[in-house]
Amino acid sequence: MIKLTRLNGSELWVNADLIEFLEATPDTVISLVDGKKIVVADPPERVVAAIIAYWRQINAVPRRFTYAERGHGEPNASGQSQPAPQEG
């Protein structure tokens, strides 16, 4: 979902997967795949930038967690994980 602003200043969230195309008439008109239209105050360039940022976030390579972050402690010389130290 991308956060946009209506002409009256209120915020709305739009599912970026449902956007078919944008028009600048001079207001930005978003046409959805189901035929609905949404008029927003954001310029088309801002909407496109938000869509690109959304897709980059969705398709980002997941971060690898360390042994300690997973709660397994650190690996020993043989590569086996050692128990994490107990707090207390």
PDB file of N, CA and C in Angstrom:
ATOM      1  N   MET A   1       0.847  -1.170   0.000  1.00  0.00           N
ATOM      2  CA  MET A   1       0.000   0.000   0.000  1.00  0.00           C
ATOM      3  C   MET A   1       0.897   1.239   0.000  1.00  0.00           C
ATOM      4  N   ILE A   2       0.435   2.254  -0.708  1.00  0.00           N
ATOM      5  CA  ILE A   2       1.163   3.515  -0.740  1.00  0.00           C
ATOM      6  C   ILE A   2       0.285   4.612  -0.149  1.00  0.00           C
ATOM      7  N   LYS A   3       0.917   5.525   0.576  1.00  0.00           N
ATOM      8  CA  LYS A   3       0.194   6.610   1.247  1.00  0.00           C
ATOM      9  C   LYS A   3       0.151   7.822   0.321  1.00  0.00           C
ATOM     10  N   LEU A   4      -1.058   8.317   0.059  1.00  0.00           N
ATOM     11  CA  LEU A   4      -1.260   9.474  -0.802  1.00  0.00           C
ATOM     12  C   LEU A   4      -2.159  10.480  -0.090  1.00  0.00           C
ATOM     13  N   THR A   5      -2.340  11.645  -0.722  1.00  0.00           N
ATOM     14  CA  THR A   5      -3.143  12.714  -0.131  1.00  0.00           C
ATOM     15  C   THR A   5      -4.263  13.113  -1.079  1.00  0.00           C
ATOM     16  N   ARG A   6      -5.476  13.152  -0.554  1.00  0.00           N
ATOM     17  CA  ARG A   6      -6.623  13.609  -1.347  1.00  0.00           C
ATOM     18  C   ARG A   6      -6.535  15.120  -1.553  1.00  0.00           C
ATOM     19  N   LEU A   7      -7.363  15.647  -2.434  1.00  0.00           N
ATOM     20  CA  LEU A   7      -7.376  17.086  -2.694  1.00  0.00           C
ATOM     21  C   LEU A   7      -7.746  17.895  -1.456  1.00  0.00           C
ATOM     22  N   ASN A   8      -8.553  17.308  -0.554  1.00  0.00           N
ATOM     23  CA  ASN A   8      -8.962  18.021   0.664  1.00  0.00           C
ATOM     24  C   ASN A   8      -7.932  17.916   1.787  1.00  0.00           C
ATOM     25  N   GLY A   9      -6.803  17.252   1.522  1.00  0.00           N
ATOM     26  CA  GLY A   9      -5.730  17.136   2.504  1.00  0.00           C
ATOM     27  C   GLY A   9      -5.760  15.874   3.336  1.00  0.00           C
ATOM     28  N   SER A  10      -6.819  15.088   3.252  1.00  0.00           N
ATOM     29  CA  SER A  10      -6.874  13.844   4.025  1.00  0.00           C
ATOM     30  C   SER A  10      -5.986  12.789   3.359  1.00  0.00           C
ATOM     31  N   GLU A  11      -5.488  11.887   4.187  1.00  0.00           N
ATOM     32  CA  GLU A  11      -4.605  10.834   3.680  1.00  0.00           C
ATOM     33  C   GLU A  11      -5.406   9.591   3.327  1.00  0.00           C
ATOM     34  N   LEU A  12      -4.913   8.859   2.360  1.00  0.00           N
ATOM     35  CA  LEU A  12      -5.494   7.565   2.039  1.00  0.00           C
ATOM     36  C   LEU A  12      -4.382   6.630   1.622  1.00  0.00           C
ATOM     37  N   TRP A  13      -4.648   5.354   1.748  1.00  0.00           N
ATOM     38  CA  TRP A  13      -3.698   4.314   1.357  1.00  0.00           C
ATOM     39  C   TRP A  13      -4.286   3.585   0.162  1.00  0.00           C
ATOM     40  N   VAL A  14      -3.469   3.410  -0.871  1.00  0.00           N
ATOM     41  CA  VAL A  14      -3.919   2.775  -2.104  1.00  0.00           C
ATOM     42  C   VAL A  14      -3.083   1.520  -2.331  1.00  0.00           C
ATOM     43  N   ASN A  15      -3.742   0.449  -2.729  1.00  0.00           N
ATOM     44  CA  ASN A  15      -3.041  -0.785  -3.068  1.00  0.00           C
ATOM     45  C   ASN A  15      -2.322  -0.575  -4.400  1.00  0.00           C
ATOM     46  N   ALA A  16      -0.996  -0.510  -4.361  1.00  0.00           N
ATOM     47  CA  ALA A  16      -0.199  -0.238  -5.562  1.00  0.00           C
ATOM     48  C   ALA A  16      -0.374  -1.327  -6.623  1.00  0.00           C
ATOM     49  N   ASP A  17      -0.746  -2.526  -6.213  1.00  0.00           N
ATOM     50  CA  ASP A  17      -0.949  -3.624  -7.169  1.00  0.00           C
ATOM     51  C   ASP A  17      -2.174  -3.399  -8.050  1.00  0.00           C
ATOM     52  N   LEU A  18      -3.090  -2.537  -7.614  1.00  0.00           N
ATOM     53  CA  LEU A  18      -4.336  -2.334  -8.348  1.00  0.00           C
ATOM     54  C   LEU A  18      -4.317  -1.110  -9.261  1.00  0.00           C
ATOM     55  N   ILE A  19      -3.199  -0.375  -9.285  1.00  0.00           N
ATOM     56  CA  ILE A  19      -3.116   0.819 -10.123  1.00  0.00           C
ATOM     57  C   ILE A  19      -2.842   0.399 -11.564  1.00  0.00           C
ATOM     58  N   GLU A  20      -3.714   0.850 -12.468  1.00  0.00           N
ATOM     59  CA  GLU A  20      -3.552   0.538 -13.890  1.00  0.00           C
ATOM     60  C   GLU A  20      -2.781   1.643 -14.602  1.00  0.00           C
ATOM     61  N   PHE A  21      -3.194   2.916 -14.382  1.00  0.00           N
ATOM     62  CA  PHE A  21      -2.447   4.026 -14.971  1.00  0.00           C
ATOM     63  C   PHE A  21      -2.765   5.322 -14.244  1.00  0.00           C
ATOM     64  N   LEU A  22      -1.946   6.351 -14.510  1.00  0.00           N
ATOM     65  CA  LEU A  22      -2.091   7.679 -13.912  1.00  0.00           C
ATOM     66  C   LEU A  22      -2.320   8.697 -15.009  1.00  0.00           C
ATOM     67  N   GLU A  23      -3.078   9.759 -14.665  1.00  0.00           N
ATOM     68  CA  GLU A  23      -3.276  10.875 -15.584  1.00  0.00           C
ATOM     69  C   GLU A  23      -3.037  12.169 -14.818  1.00  0.00           C
ATOM     70  N   ALA A  24      -2.467  13.168 -15.494  1.00  0.00           N
ATOM     71  CA  ALA A  24      -2.321  14.505 -14.924  1.00  0.00           C
ATOM     72  C   ALA A  24      -3.255  15.416 -15.703  1.00  0.00           C
ATOM     73  N   THR A  25      -4.347  15.874 -15.053  1.00  0.00           N
ATOM     74  CA  THR A  25      -5.409  16.565 -15.816  1.00  0.00           C
ATOM     75  C   THR A  25      -5.855  17.917 -15.271  1.00  0.00           C
ATOM     76  N   PRO A  26      -5.277  18.805 -14.589  1.00  0.00           N
ATOM     77  CA  PRO A  26      -3.934  18.839 -14.024  1.00  0.00           C
ATOM     78  C   PRO A  26      -3.824  18.078 -12.707  1.00  0.00           C
ATOM     79  N   ASP A  27      -4.958  17.760 -12.046  1.00  0.00           N
ATOM     80  CA  ASP A  27      -4.870  16.925 -10.843  1.00  0.00           C
ATOM     81  C   ASP A  27      -4.476  15.514 -11.257  1.00  0.00           C
ATOM     82  N   THR A  28      -3.891  14.786 -10.330  1.00  0.00           N
ATOM     83  CA  THR A  28      -3.494  13.413 -10.624  1.00  0.00           C
ATOM     84  C   THR A  28      -4.694  12.493 -10.446  1.00  0.00           C
ATOM     85  N   VAL A  29      -5.038  11.778 -11.500  1.00  0.00           N
ATOM     86  CA  VAL A  29      -6.143  10.821 -11.466  1.00  0.00           C
ATOM     87  C   VAL A  29      -5.539   9.427 -11.560  1.00  0.00           C
ATOM     88  N   ILE A  30      -5.827   8.598 -10.562  1.00  0.00           N
ATOM     89  CA  ILE A  30      -5.347   7.218 -10.537  1.00  0.00           C
ATOM     90  C   ILE A  30      -6.488   6.330 -10.991  1.00  0.00           C
ATOM     91  N   SER A  31      -6.252   5.541 -12.028  1.00  0.00           N
ATOM     92  CA  SER A  31      -7.248   4.573 -12.499  1.00  0.00           C
ATOM     93  C   SER A  31      -6.845   3.195 -12.003  1.00  0.00           C
ATOM     94  N   LEU A  32      -7.788   2.535 -11.350  1.00  0.00           N
ATOM     95  CA  LEU A  32      -7.540   1.197 -10.826  1.00  0.00           C
ATOM     96  C   LEU A  32      -8.011   0.152 -11.827  1.00  0.00           C
ATOM     97  N   VAL A  33      -7.546  -1.064 -11.662  1.00  0.00           N
ATOM     98  CA  VAL A  33      -7.882  -2.135 -12.602  1.00  0.00           C
ATOM     99  C   VAL A  33      -9.372  -2.455 -12.621  1.00  0.00           C
ATOM    100  N   ASP A  34     -10.096  -2.118 -11.550  1.00  0.00           N
ATOM    101  CA  ASP A  34     -11.538  -2.389 -11.516  1.00  0.00           C
ATOM    102  C   ASP A  34     -12.362  -1.240 -12.094  1.00  0.00           C
ATOM    103  N   GLY A  35     -11.687  -0.204 -12.654  1.00  0.00           N
ATOM    104  CA  GLY A  35     -12.382   0.913 -13.272  1.00  0.00           C
ATOM    105  C   GLY A  35     -12.598   2.112 -12.362  1.00  0.00           C
ATOM    106  N   LYS A  36     -12.366   1.951 -11.060  1.00  0.00           N
ATOM    107  CA  LYS A  36     -12.521   3.074 -10.141  1.00  0.00           C
ATOM    108  C   LYS A  36     -11.428   4.103 -10.400  1.00  0.00           C
ATOM    109  N   LYS A  37     -11.751   5.372 -10.111  1.00  0.00           N
ATOM    110  CA  LYS A  37     -10.787   6.452 -10.267  1.00  0.00           C
ATOM    111  C   LYS A  37     -10.654   7.187  -8.945  1.00  0.00           C
ATOM    112  N   ILE A  38      -9.424   7.581  -8.624  1.00  0.00           N
ATOM    113  CA  ILE A  38      -9.134   8.317  -7.402  1.00  0.00           C
ATOM    114  C   ILE A  38      -8.365   9.569  -7.805  1.00  0.00           C
ATOM    115  N   VAL A  39      -8.818  10.731  -7.324  1.00  0.00           N
ATOM    116  CA  VAL A  39      -8.117  11.985  -7.592  1.00  0.00           C
ATOM    117  C   VAL A  39      -7.301  12.334  -6.350  1.00  0.00           C
ATOM    118  N   VAL A  40      -6.008  12.588  -6.547  1.00  0.00           N
ATOM    119  CA  VAL A  40      -5.124  12.900  -5.422  1.00  0.00           C
ATOM    120  C   VAL A  40      -4.362  14.193  -5.686  1.00  0.00           C
ATOM    121  N   ALA A  41      -3.866  14.794  -4.611  1.00  0.00           N
ATOM    122  CA  ALA A  41      -3.095  16.031  -4.709  1.00  0.00           C
ATOM    123  C   ALA A  41      -1.646  15.767  -5.097  1.00  0.00           C
ATOM    124  N   ASP A  42      -1.172  14.544  -4.863  1.00  0.00           N
ATOM    125  CA  ASP A  42       0.219  14.210  -5.171  1.00  0.00           C
ATOM    126  C   ASP A  42       0.453  14.266  -6.678  1.00  0.00           C
ATOM    127  N   PRO A  43       1.595  14.826  -7.123  1.00  0.00           N
ATOM    128  CA  PRO A  43       1.894  14.815  -8.553  1.00  0.00           C
ATOM    129  C   PRO A  43       2.188  13.387  -9.022  1.00  0.00           C
ATOM    130  N   PRO A  44       1.999  13.102 -10.312  1.00  0.00           N
ATOM    131  CA  PRO A  44       2.241  11.746 -10.821  1.00  0.00           C
ATOM    132  C   PRO A  44       3.642  11.228 -10.495  1.00  0.00           C
ATOM    133  N   GLU A  45       4.640  12.109 -10.534  1.00  0.00           N
ATOM    134  CA  GLU A  45       6.016  11.685 -10.235  1.00  0.00           C
ATOM    135  C   GLU A  45       6.135  11.160  -8.806  1.00  0.00           C
ATOM    136  N   ARG A  46       5.420  11.777  -7.878  1.00  0.00           N
ATOM    137  CA  ARG A  46       5.435  11.334  -6.479  1.00  0.00           C
ATOM    138  C   ARG A  46       4.728   9.987  -6.340  1.00  0.00           C
ATOM    139  N   VAL A  47       3.641   9.801  -7.071  1.00  0.00           N
ATOM    140  CA  VAL A  47       2.917   8.526  -7.030  1.00  0.00           C
ATOM    141  C   VAL A  47       3.805   7.413  -7.589  1.00  0.00           C
ATOM    142  N   VAL A  48       4.452   7.682  -8.712  1.00  0.00           N
ATOM    143  CA  VAL A  48       5.344   6.678  -9.316  1.00  0.00           C
ATOM    144  C   VAL A  48       6.494   6.357  -8.366  1.00  0.00           C
ATOM    145  N   ALA A  49       7.078   7.380  -7.729  1.00  0.00           N
ATOM    146  CA  ALA A  49       8.163   7.146  -6.772  1.00  0.00           C
ATOM    147  C   ALA A  49       7.686   6.279  -5.606  1.00  0.00           C
ATOM    148  N   ALA A  50       6.461   6.508  -5.138  1.00  0.00           N
ATOM    149  CA  ALA A  50       5.907   5.699  -4.044  1.00  0.00           C
ATOM    150  C   ALA A  50       5.695   4.252  -4.485  1.00  0.00           C
ATOM    151  N   ILE A  51       5.245   4.059  -5.724  1.00  0.00           N
ATOM    152  CA  ILE A  51       5.054   2.700  -6.253  1.00  0.00           C
ATOM    153  C   ILE A  51       6.396   1.986  -6.350  1.00  0.00           C
ATOM    154  N   ILE A  52       7.413   2.676  -6.861  1.00  0.00           N
ATOM    155  CA  ILE A  52       8.747   2.075  -6.986  1.00  0.00           C
ATOM    156  C   ILE A  52       9.296   1.714  -5.608  1.00  0.00           C
ATOM    157  N   ALA A  53       9.152   2.612  -4.628  1.00  0.00           N
ATOM    158  CA  ALA A  53       9.623   2.327  -3.269  1.00  0.00           C
ATOM    159  C   ALA A  53       8.892   1.123  -2.680  1.00  0.00           C
ATOM    160  N   TYR A  54       7.593   1.035  -2.938  1.00  0.00           N
ATOM    161  CA  TYR A  54       6.794  -0.104  -2.473  1.00  0.00           C
ATOM    162  C   TYR A  54       7.343  -1.408  -3.059  1.00  0.00           C
ATOM    163  N   TRP A  55       7.563  -1.436  -4.362  1.00  0.00           N
ATOM    164  CA  TRP A  55       8.053  -2.654  -5.007  1.00  0.00           C
ATOM    165  C   TRP A  55       9.460  -3.008  -4.567  1.00  0.00           C
ATOM    166  N   ARG A  56      10.294  -2.014  -4.327  1.00  0.00           N
ATOM    167  CA  ARG A  56      11.645  -2.297  -3.817  1.00  0.00           C
ATOM    168  C   ARG A  56      11.566  -2.942  -2.441  1.00  0.00           C
ATOM    169  N   GLN A  57      10.662  -2.461  -1.619  1.00  0.00           N
ATOM    170  CA  GLN A  57      10.512  -3.032  -0.281  1.00  0.00           C
ATOM    171  C   GLN A  57       9.970  -4.458  -0.361  1.00  0.00           C
ATOM    172  N   ILE A  58       8.985  -4.686  -1.207  1.00  0.00           N
ATOM    173  CA  ILE A  58       8.382  -6.011  -1.344  1.00  0.00           C
ATOM    174  C   ILE A  58       9.376  -7.027  -1.896  1.00  0.00           C
ATOM    175  N   ASN A  59      10.200  -6.606  -2.841  1.00  0.00           N
ATOM    176  CA  ASN A  59      11.123  -7.521  -3.515  1.00  0.00           C
ATOM    177  C   ASN A  59      12.528  -7.501  -2.945  1.00  0.00           C
ATOM    178  N   ALA A  60      12.728  -6.857  -1.799  1.00  0.00           N
ATOM    179  CA  ALA A  60      14.053  -6.786  -1.191  1.00  0.00           C
ATOM    180  C   ALA A  60      14.501  -8.171  -0.736  1.00  0.00           C
ATOM    181  N   VAL A  61      15.799  -8.383  -0.781  1.00  0.00           N
ATOM    182  CA  VAL A  61      16.373  -9.637  -0.295  1.00  0.00           C
ATOM    183  C   VAL A  61      16.252  -9.640   1.223  1.00  0.00           C
ATOM    184  N   PRO A  62      15.731 -10.712   1.788  1.00  0.00           N
ATOM    185  CA  PRO A  62      15.576 -10.737   3.242  1.00  0.00           C
ATOM    186  C   PRO A  62      16.928 -10.676   3.954  1.00  0.00           C
ATOM    187  N   ARG A  63      16.945 -10.012   5.088  1.00  0.00           N
ATOM    188  CA  ARG A  63      18.169  -9.894   5.869  1.00  0.00           C
ATOM    189  C   ARG A  63      18.432 -11.212   6.577  1.00  0.00           C
ATOM    190  N   ARG A  64      19.687 -11.611   6.592  1.00  0.00           N
ATOM    191  CA  ARG A  64      20.058 -12.838   7.301  1.00  0.00           C
ATOM    192  C   ARG A  64      20.346 -12.502   8.760  1.00  0.00           C
ATOM    193  N   PHE A  65      19.800 -13.301   9.647  1.00  0.00           N
ATOM    194  CA  PHE A  65      20.010 -13.081  11.066  1.00  0.00           C
ATOM    195  C   PHE A  65      21.208 -13.888  11.538  1.00  0.00           C
ATOM    196  N   THR A  66      21.933 -13.355  12.500  1.00  0.00           N
ATOM    197  CA  THR A  66      23.067 -14.074  13.064  1.00  0.00           C
ATOM    198  C   THR A  66      22.547 -15.154  14.008  1.00  0.00           C
ATOM    199  N   TYR A  67      23.441 -16.044  14.389  1.00  0.00           N
ATOM    200  CA  TYR A  67      23.061 -17.083  15.344  1.00  0.00           C
ATOM    201  C   TYR A  67      22.512 -16.461  16.624  1.00  0.00           C
ATOM    202  N   ALA A  68      23.183 -15.424  17.114  1.00  0.00           N
ATOM    203  CA  ALA A  68      22.766 -14.804  18.374  1.00  0.00           C
ATOM    204  C   ALA A  68      21.387 -14.168  18.241  1.00  0.00           C
ATOM    205  N   GLU A  69      21.113 -13.529  17.108  1.00  0.00           N
ATOM    206  CA  GLU A  69      19.808 -12.903  16.913  1.00  0.00           C
ATOM    207  C   GLU A  69      18.695 -13.939  16.872  1.00  0.00           C
ATOM    208  N   ARG A  70      19.015 -15.154  16.435  1.00  0.00           N
ATOM    209  CA  ARG A  70      18.020 -16.224  16.397  1.00  0.00           C
ATOM    210  C   ARG A  70      17.901 -16.925  17.739  1.00  0.00           C
ATOM    211  N   GLY A  71      18.763 -16.558  18.690  1.00  0.00           N
ATOM    212  CA  GLY A  71      18.717 -17.179  20.005  1.00  0.00           C
ATOM    213  C   GLY A  71      19.458 -18.494  20.085  1.00  0.00           C
ATOM    214  N   HIS A  72      20.375 -18.759  19.144  1.00  0.00           N
ATOM    215  CA  HIS A  72      21.106 -20.021  19.118  1.00  0.00           C
ATOM    216  C   HIS A  72      22.526 -19.887  19.632  1.00  0.00           C
ATOM    217  N   GLY A  73      22.932 -18.715  20.076  1.00  0.00           N
ATOM    218  CA  GLY A  73      24.322 -18.539  20.485  1.00  0.00           C
ATOM    219  C   GLY A  73      25.207 -18.428  19.257  1.00  0.00           C
ATOM    220  N   GLU A  74      26.477 -18.672  19.409  1.00  0.00           N
ATOM    221  CA  GLU A  74      27.434 -18.580  18.302  1.00  0.00           C
ATOM    222  C   GLU A  74      27.853 -19.984  17.875  1.00  0.00           C
ATOM    223  N   PRO A  75      28.205 -20.165  16.591  1.00  0.00           N
ATOM    224  CA  PRO A  75      28.653 -21.489  16.164  1.00  0.00           C
ATOM    225  C   PRO A  75      30.020 -21.802  16.764  1.00  0.00           C
ATOM    226  N   ASN A  76      30.260 -23.087  17.069  1.00  0.00           N
ATOM    227  CA  ASN A  76      31.572 -23.488  17.571  1.00  0.00           C
ATOM    228  C   ASN A  76      32.482 -23.816  16.388  1.00  0.00           C
ATOM    229  N   ALA A  77      33.659 -24.326  16.642  1.00  0.00           N
ATOM    230  CA  ALA A  77      34.644 -24.587  15.586  1.00  0.00           C
ATOM    231  C   ALA A  77      34.118 -25.564  14.543  1.00  0.00           C
ATOM    232  N   SER A  78      33.237 -26.474  14.922  1.00  0.00           N
ATOM    233  CA  SER A  78      32.711 -27.452  13.963  1.00  0.00           C
ATOM    234  C   SER A  78      31.495 -26.925  13.204  1.00  0.00           C
ATOM    235  N   GLY A  79      31.088 -25.681  13.489  1.00  0.00           N
ATOM    236  CA  GLY A  79      29.947 -25.104  12.791  1.00  0.00           C
ATOM    237  C   GLY A  79      28.621 -25.355  13.478  1.00  0.00           C
ATOM    238  N   GLN A  80      28.630 -26.128  14.571  1.00  0.00           N
ATOM    239  CA  GLN A  80      27.401 -26.394  15.314  1.00  0.00           C
ATOM    240  C   GLN A  80      27.112 -25.215  16.236  1.00  0.00           C
ATOM    241  N   SER A  81      25.856 -24.890  16.401  1.00  0.00           N
ATOM    242  CA  SER A  81      25.530 -23.754  17.265  1.00  0.00           C
ATOM    243  C   SER A  81      25.628 -24.153  18.725  1.00  0.00           C
ATOM    244  N   GLN A  82      26.136 -23.242  19.513  1.00  0.00           N
ATOM    245  CA  GLN A  82      26.218 -23.431  20.949  1.00  0.00           C
ATOM    246  C   GLN A  82      25.013 -22.745  21.571  1.00  0.00           C
ATOM    247  N   PRO A  83      24.544 -23.220  22.689  1.00  0.00           N
ATOM    248  CA  PRO A  83      23.396 -22.571  23.321  1.00  0.00           C
ATOM    249  C   PRO A  83      23.713 -21.121  23.671  1.00  0.00           C
ATOM    250  N   ALA A  84      22.724 -20.289  23.534  1.00  0.00           N
ATOM    251  CA  ALA A  84      22.881 -18.887  23.916  1.00  0.00           C
ATOM    252  C   ALA A  84      22.967 -18.802  25.429  1.00  0.00           C
ATOM    253  N   PRO A  85      23.753 -17.856  25.943  1.00  0.00           N
ATOM    254  CA  PRO A  85      23.827 -17.710  27.403  1.00  0.00           C
ATOM    255  C   PRO A  85      22.461 -17.359  27.977  1.00  0.00           C
ATOM    256  N   GLN A  86      22.165 -17.945  29.110  1.00  0.00           N
ATOM    257  CA  GLN A  86      20.884 -17.698  29.773  1.00  0.00           C
ATOM    258  C   GLN A  86      20.977 -16.434  30.608  1.00  0.00           C
ATOM    259  N   GLU A  87      19.949 -15.615  30.507  1.00  0.00           N
ATOM    260  CA  GLU A  87      19.903 -14.403  31.330  1.00  0.00           C
ATOM    261  C   GLU A  87      19.271 -14.749  32.662  1.00  0.00           C
ATOM    262  N   GLY A  88      19.691 -14.038  33.674  1.00  0.00           N
ATOM    263  CA  GLY A  88      19.018 -14.290  34.927  1.00  0.00           C
ATOM    264  C   GLY A  88      19.829 -14.165  36.077  1.00  0.00           C
TER     265      GLY A  88
END
